Amino acid sequence: MVDRVPVGYTYFLAKTDPETYPVEQLEREGRTVWDGVRNPQALRAIRDMKPGDRVFLYHSMGDAAIVGLADVVAGGRDDPHNPKLAVADFQFRGRIEPPITLREIKESHLFDDWALVRQSRLSTMHAPAEFVAWMKSKRPRARI
């Protein structure tokens, strides 16, 4: 049986280029402001983030994969430098080891309608409950 997603948690996925901001940097720093997003759909996802929500961290270059997990510690709000944009604060939660590759996600055909598969350029998005349950089944020791 697959674990259910805890009530009250919303899960998101946030992409980063590992050459720009790798999961190792968030692990060292412990916390970061997630900013620099400009796509209106991705900005809506950031504005939906609330403290306690969780974020899958995704490296988008090379072997594209989900590599870590963060907690939202300060919810989505206007970017203080540009109120048309949004930011949220993430705190490192842990790594996903081994990473779950985009290839593995696509080959499952369970998430063909999800933005991660359909809109490869979208940087931040909601993660469906079915995906969260699938991730928990794939990496039961991860703190998802």
Protein backbone atom coordinates (compact mmCIF):
# COMPACT_ATOMS: atom_id res chain seq x y z
CA MET A 1 0.00 0.00 0.00
CA VAL A 2 1.24 3.50 -0.88
CA ASP A 3 1.45 6.13 1.88
CA ARG A 4 -1.06 8.92 1.62
CA VAL A 5 0.05 12.54 1.47
CA PRO A 6 -0.28 14.18 4.90
CA VAL A 7 -3.34 16.41 5.18
CA GLY A 8 -2.44 20.09 4.94
CA TYR A 9 0.76 19.68 2.95
CA THR A 10 0.95 20.96 -0.57
CA TYR A 11 3.85 19.78 -2.68
CA PHE A 12 5.59 21.71 -5.41
CA LEU A 13 8.48 21.13 -7.77
CA ALA A 14 11.11 23.83 -8.34
CA LYS A 15 13.72 23.55 -11.06
CA THR A 16 17.22 24.90 -10.92
CA ASP A 17 20.21 24.60 -13.18
CA PRO A 18 22.85 22.82 -11.06
CA GLU A 19 25.50 25.18 -12.43
CA THR A 20 23.50 28.15 -11.09
CA TYR A 21 22.16 26.84 -7.77
CA PRO A 22 22.85 23.16 -7.01
CA VAL A 23 21.12 21.26 -4.22
CA GLU A 24 24.54 21.03 -2.53
CA GLN A 25 24.54 24.81 -2.11
CA LEU A 26 21.12 24.79 -0.45
CA GLU A 27 22.33 21.96 1.78
CA ARG A 28 25.36 24.07 2.85
CA GLU A 29 23.40 27.30 3.28
CA GLY A 30 20.42 25.61 4.92
CA ARG A 31 17.97 28.20 3.65
CA THR A 32 17.42 30.36 0.57
CA VAL A 33 15.03 32.83 -1.00
CA TRP A 34 13.63 31.26 -4.18
CA ASP A 35 13.49 34.07 -6.70
CA GLY A 36 14.20 34.94 -10.31
CA VAL A 37 11.05 33.27 -11.68
CA ARG A 38 9.25 35.23 -14.41
CA ASN A 39 6.75 32.85 -16.00
CA PRO A 40 3.18 33.80 -14.91
CA GLN A 41 2.16 30.16 -14.33
CA ALA A 42 5.27 29.50 -12.22
CA LEU A 43 4.70 32.74 -10.29
CA ARG A 44 1.18 31.56 -9.40
CA ALA A 45 2.68 28.37 -7.97
CA ILE A 46 5.14 30.37 -5.85
CA ARG A 47 2.34 32.64 -4.61
CA ASP A 48 0.42 29.48 -3.56
CA MET A 49 3.29 28.29 -1.33
CA LYS A 50 2.66 28.39 2.41
CA PRO A 51 4.92 27.60 5.38
CA GLY A 52 5.00 23.85 5.93
CA ASP A 53 4.55 22.99 2.26
CA ARG A 54 7.24 20.85 0.63
CA VAL A 55 9.21 21.32 -2.56
CA PHE A 56 10.90 18.72 -4.74
CA LEU A 57 14.19 20.21 -5.99
CA TYR A 58 14.87 19.36 -9.60
CA HIS A 59 18.15 19.76 -11.50
CA SER A 60 17.18 20.64 -15.03
CA MET A 61 20.45 20.21 -16.89
CA GLY A 62 22.51 17.12 -17.68
CA ASP A 63 20.76 14.11 -16.21
CA ALA A 64 17.56 15.96 -15.32
CA ALA A 65 16.34 14.60 -12.00
CA ILE A 66 14.68 15.27 -8.67
CA VAL A 67 17.65 15.52 -6.32
CA GLY A 68 16.33 16.93 -3.06
CA LEU A 69 13.52 18.17 -0.91
CA ALA A 70 12.93 21.48 0.88
CA ASP A 71 10.35 22.90 3.26
CA VAL A 72 8.67 26.22 2.58
CA VAL A 73 9.48 28.33 5.64
CA ALA A 74 8.17 31.69 4.38
CA GLY A 75 5.32 31.57 1.93
CA GLY A 76 4.90 33.13 -1.47
CA ARG A 77 4.91 36.91 -1.47
CA ASP A 78 5.84 39.85 -3.66
CA ASP A 79 9.50 40.09 -4.56
CA PRO A 80 10.75 43.18 -2.68
CA HIS A 81 12.75 44.22 -5.76
CA ASN A 82 9.86 43.80 -8.21
CA PRO A 83 6.27 43.41 -6.95
CA LYS A 84 5.23 41.81 -10.26
CA LEU A 85 7.39 38.81 -9.30
CA ALA A 86 7.13 36.46 -6.32
CA VAL A 87 9.53 34.79 -3.90
CA ALA A 88 9.34 32.14 -1.16
CA ASP A 89 11.89 30.93 1.39
CA PHE A 90 13.02 27.29 1.30
CA GLN A 91 14.85 25.32 3.97
CA PHE A 92 16.84 22.25 3.00
CA ARG A 93 15.09 19.03 4.09
CA GLY A 94 17.19 16.29 2.47
CA ARG A 95 18.48 14.67 -0.66
CA ILE A 96 16.66 12.15 -2.82
CA GLU A 97 19.18 9.37 -3.31
CA PRO A 98 19.50 8.07 -5.81
CA PRO A 99 17.82 10.91 -7.71
CA ILE A 100 14.62 10.21 -9.61
CA THR A 101 15.33 11.03 -13.24
CA LEU A 102 12.99 12.71 -15.67
CA ARG A 103 13.45 9.67 -17.87
CA GLU A 104 12.11 7.41 -15.09
CA ILE A 105 9.14 9.73 -14.56
CA LYS A 106 8.36 9.82 -18.29
CA GLU A 107 8.81 6.07 -18.76
CA SER A 108 6.26 5.37 -16.01
CA HIS A 109 3.57 7.08 -18.15
CA LEU A 110 1.75 7.82 -14.89
CA PHE A 111 2.25 11.57 -15.14
CA ASP A 112 1.94 12.31 -18.86
CA ASP A 113 -0.50 15.15 -18.10
CA TRP A 114 1.71 16.81 -15.47
CA ALA A 115 3.42 20.11 -16.35
CA LEU A 116 6.86 18.57 -15.67
CA VAL A 117 6.34 16.26 -18.62
CA ARG A 118 4.20 18.53 -20.83
CA GLN A 119 5.85 21.93 -20.24
CA SER A 120 9.55 21.29 -20.00
CA ARG A 121 10.40 25.00 -19.64
CA LEU A 122 8.11 25.67 -16.65
CA SER A 123 10.36 26.25 -13.64
CA THR A 124 8.01 25.98 -10.66
CA MET A 125 4.77 24.00 -10.40
CA HIS A 126 2.41 22.11 -8.15
CA ALA A 127 3.22 18.41 -7.70
CA PRO A 128 0.13 16.17 -7.90
CA ALA A 129 -0.74 13.98 -4.91
CA GLU A 130 -0.36 10.86 -7.09
CA PHE A 131 3.22 11.87 -7.86
CA VAL A 132 3.99 12.43 -4.17
CA ALA A 133 2.65 8.96 -3.33
CA TRP A 134 4.69 7.47 -6.21
CA MET A 135 7.83 9.21 -4.93
CA LYS A 136 7.22 7.84 -1.43
CA SER A 137 6.92 4.35 -2.86
CA LYS A 138 10.14 4.78 -4.88
CA ARG A 139 12.16 6.27 -2.03
CA PRO A 140 10.52 5.08 1.22
CA ARG A 141 13.52 6.16 3.33
CA ALA A 142 13.46 9.74 2.05
CA ARG A 143 11.79 12.27 4.29
CA ILE A 144 9.09 13.07 1.75
